[in-house]
Amino acid sequence: MGRGRAKAKQVKVARQLKYNSGGTDLDRLRDELGVGDSSRNDDADDLNDELADRYADYADDYDTGDDDSRPSGRR
């Protein structure tokens, strides 16, 4: 019991998504994703570079050389 209302709501939401393509606030989406804010991206890039350098040292220490010799599964 109670599935009728849930299904009706799902159908309503699906129809709204299908037929109402407009109304997307692209500026709000851009703000949420942090696109276009150079100060945020610079900080994230610095953090990523630091982590990449740290793990590159580990990769050099534990490199077994198996990466190139492993078959990719494609023929």
Protein backbone atom coordinates (compact mmCIF):
# COMPACT_ATOMS: atom_id res chain seq x y z
CA MET A 1 0.00 0.00 0.00
CA GLY A 2 1.04 3.56 -0.54
CA ARG A 3 2.88 2.91 -3.79
CA GLY A 4 0.37 4.87 -5.85
CA ARG A 5 1.34 8.22 -4.38
CA ALA A 6 5.06 7.51 -4.64
CA LYS A 7 4.72 6.43 -8.26
CA ALA A 8 2.57 9.45 -9.09
CA LYS A 9 5.20 11.74 -7.59
CA GLN A 10 7.97 10.02 -9.56
CA VAL A 11 5.96 10.38 -12.77
CA LYS A 12 5.35 14.06 -12.01
CA VAL A 13 9.05 14.72 -11.38
CA ALA A 14 10.05 12.77 -14.49
CA ARG A 15 7.65 14.81 -16.62
CA GLN A 16 8.97 18.06 -15.19
CA LEU A 17 12.53 17.03 -15.98
CA LYS A 18 11.62 15.88 -19.48
CA TYR A 19 9.51 18.80 -20.64
CA ASN A 20 10.84 21.76 -18.64
CA SER A 21 14.34 22.15 -20.02
CA GLY A 22 14.58 25.84 -19.11
CA GLY A 23 15.00 27.47 -15.75
CA THR A 24 18.53 26.33 -14.99
CA ASP A 25 20.42 28.98 -13.10
CA LEU A 26 23.82 28.65 -14.72
CA ASP A 27 25.43 31.35 -12.56
CA ARG A 28 24.42 29.52 -9.40
CA LEU A 29 25.69 26.24 -10.81
CA ARG A 30 28.99 27.90 -11.75
CA ASP A 31 29.33 29.23 -8.20
CA GLU A 32 28.60 25.81 -6.69
CA LEU A 33 31.16 24.13 -8.92
CA GLY A 34 33.73 26.85 -8.32
CA VAL A 35 34.28 27.49 -12.02
CA GLY A 36 35.65 30.90 -12.89
CA ASP A 37 36.90 31.70 -9.40
CA SER A 38 40.66 31.79 -9.97
CA SER A 39 41.60 32.05 -6.27
CA ARG A 40 39.82 28.76 -5.50
CA ASN A 41 41.37 26.97 -8.45
CA ASP A 42 44.89 28.17 -7.64
CA ASP A 43 44.64 26.83 -4.10
CA ALA A 44 43.28 23.51 -5.34
CA ASP A 45 46.03 23.25 -7.95
CA ASP A 46 48.71 23.91 -5.34
CA LEU A 47 47.28 21.21 -3.09
CA ASN A 48 47.04 18.75 -5.99
CA ASP A 49 50.63 19.48 -7.03
CA GLU A 50 51.83 18.91 -3.47
CA LEU A 51 50.00 15.58 -3.23
CA ALA A 52 51.21 14.50 -6.66
CA ASP A 53 54.81 15.22 -5.69
CA ARG A 54 54.44 13.32 -2.43
CA TYR A 55 52.99 10.23 -4.09
CA ALA A 56 55.43 10.41 -6.99
CA ASP A 57 58.20 9.82 -4.45
CA TYR A 58 56.39 6.69 -3.27
CA ALA A 59 55.89 5.53 -6.84
CA ASP A 60 59.62 5.86 -7.50
CA ASP A 61 60.44 3.86 -4.35
CA TYR A 62 57.99 1.04 -5.07
CA ASP A 63 58.04 0.98 -8.88
CA THR A 64 57.96 -2.61 -10.12
CA GLY A 65 57.82 -1.78 -13.82
CA ASP A 66 54.69 -3.87 -14.36
CA ASP A 67 52.66 -0.99 -15.80
CA ASP A 68 53.94 -1.34 -19.36
CA SER A 69 54.05 -5.13 -19.46
CA ARG A 70 50.47 -5.69 -18.28
CA PRO A 71 48.06 -6.58 -21.11
CA SER A 72 45.30 -4.05 -21.59
CA GLY A 73 42.66 -6.65 -22.44
CA ARG A 74 42.19 -5.32 -25.97
CA ARG A 75 43.33 -7.02 -29.12
